[in-house]
């Protein structure tokens, strides 16, 4: 795992902002001064100020499952 502060996609940025907004809604205090009272806007302001970091897990490669002669996936377990 690696702590990141730069976002590789807008999708990841939105996910992190949503999680932070949920923390703010549950009582966490804002890390930046803001005029907004909305949790989503506060989370975005914190991200823009560089106050939010996240942990990116190791990426697991996608493996196509083996199939039998009828085209059904074979699940090992």
Protein backbone atom coordinates (compact mmCIF):
# COMPACT_ATOMS: atom_id res chain seq x y z
CA UNK A 1 0.00 0.00 0.00
CA UNK A 2 1.15 3.49 -0.77
CA UNK A 3 -0.11 6.82 0.57
CA UNK A 4 -1.08 9.09 -2.33
CA UNK A 5 -1.89 12.78 -2.55
CA UNK A 6 -2.10 13.08 -6.34
CA UNK A 7 -5.13 11.66 -8.11
CA UNK A 8 -4.69 9.50 -11.20
CA UNK A 9 -8.28 10.04 -12.34
CA UNK A 10 -11.30 12.21 -11.67
CA UNK A 11 -13.18 9.06 -10.68
CA UNK A 12 -10.77 8.38 -7.80
CA UNK A 13 -10.98 12.05 -6.76
CA UNK A 14 -14.78 11.81 -6.55
CA UNK A 15 -14.60 8.59 -4.52
CA UNK A 16 -12.16 10.11 -2.03
CA UNK A 17 -14.26 13.29 -1.76
CA UNK A 18 -17.40 11.23 -1.13
CA UNK A 19 -15.71 9.26 1.66
CA UNK A 20 -14.37 12.44 3.23
CA UNK A 21 -17.81 14.09 2.97
CA UNK A 22 -19.28 11.12 4.82
CA UNK A 23 -16.68 11.57 7.58
CA UNK A 24 -17.60 15.25 7.86
CA UNK A 25 -21.31 14.40 8.04
CA UNK A 26 -20.52 12.00 10.87
CA UNK A 27 -18.84 14.68 12.96
CA UNK A 28 -15.27 15.17 11.71
CA UNK A 29 -14.15 18.77 11.71
CA UNK A 30 -13.08 20.52 8.52
CA UNK A 31 -9.36 20.71 7.82
CA UNK A 32 -9.62 24.05 5.98
CA UNK A 33 -11.47 27.30 6.50
CA UNK A 34 -14.45 27.44 4.18
CA UNK A 35 -17.60 29.45 3.75
CA UNK A 36 -19.63 26.38 2.87
CA UNK A 37 -21.65 24.30 5.28
CA UNK A 38 -22.14 21.45 2.80
CA UNK A 39 -20.01 18.37 3.45
CA UNK A 40 -19.34 17.71 -0.26
CA UNK A 41 -18.04 21.23 -0.85
CA UNK A 42 -15.89 21.13 2.29
CA UNK A 43 -14.38 17.81 1.16
CA UNK A 44 -13.61 19.29 -2.28
CA UNK A 45 -11.98 22.32 -0.66
CA UNK A 46 -9.83 20.05 1.51
CA UNK A 47 -8.70 18.07 -1.53
CA UNK A 48 -7.85 21.24 -3.46
CA UNK A 49 -5.83 22.47 -0.47
CA UNK A 50 -3.83 19.22 -0.44
CA UNK A 51 -5.06 18.22 3.02
CA UNK A 52 -6.39 14.80 2.01
CA UNK A 53 -4.30 11.71 1.31
CA UNK A 54 -5.51 8.23 0.48
CA UNK A 55 -4.13 4.70 0.38
CA UNK A 56 -4.20 2.92 -2.95
CA UNK A 57 -4.25 -0.84 -2.60
CA UNK A 58 -2.20 -3.11 -4.80
CA UNK A 59 -3.96 -3.70 -8.08
CA UNK A 60 -5.02 -7.28 -8.63
CA UNK A 61 -4.74 -8.39 -12.24
CA UNK A 62 -7.98 -9.42 -13.93
CA UNK A 63 -7.82 -13.05 -14.95
CA UNK A 64 -10.26 -14.57 -17.38
CA UNK A 65 -11.82 -17.67 -15.79
CA UNK A 66 -11.30 -21.09 -17.29
CA UNK A 67 -14.39 -22.57 -18.93
CA UNK A 68 -15.49 -26.13 -19.54
CA UNK A 69 -16.63 -27.60 -22.86
CA UNK A 70 -20.14 -26.15 -22.36
CA UNK A 71 -18.81 -22.63 -21.81
CA UNK A 72 -19.49 -22.62 -18.07
CA UNK A 73 -16.85 -20.99 -15.85
CA UNK A 74 -14.78 -23.33 -13.69
CA UNK A 75 -14.54 -22.02 -10.13
CA UNK A 76 -11.83 -23.43 -7.89
CA UNK A 77 -12.46 -23.23 -4.19
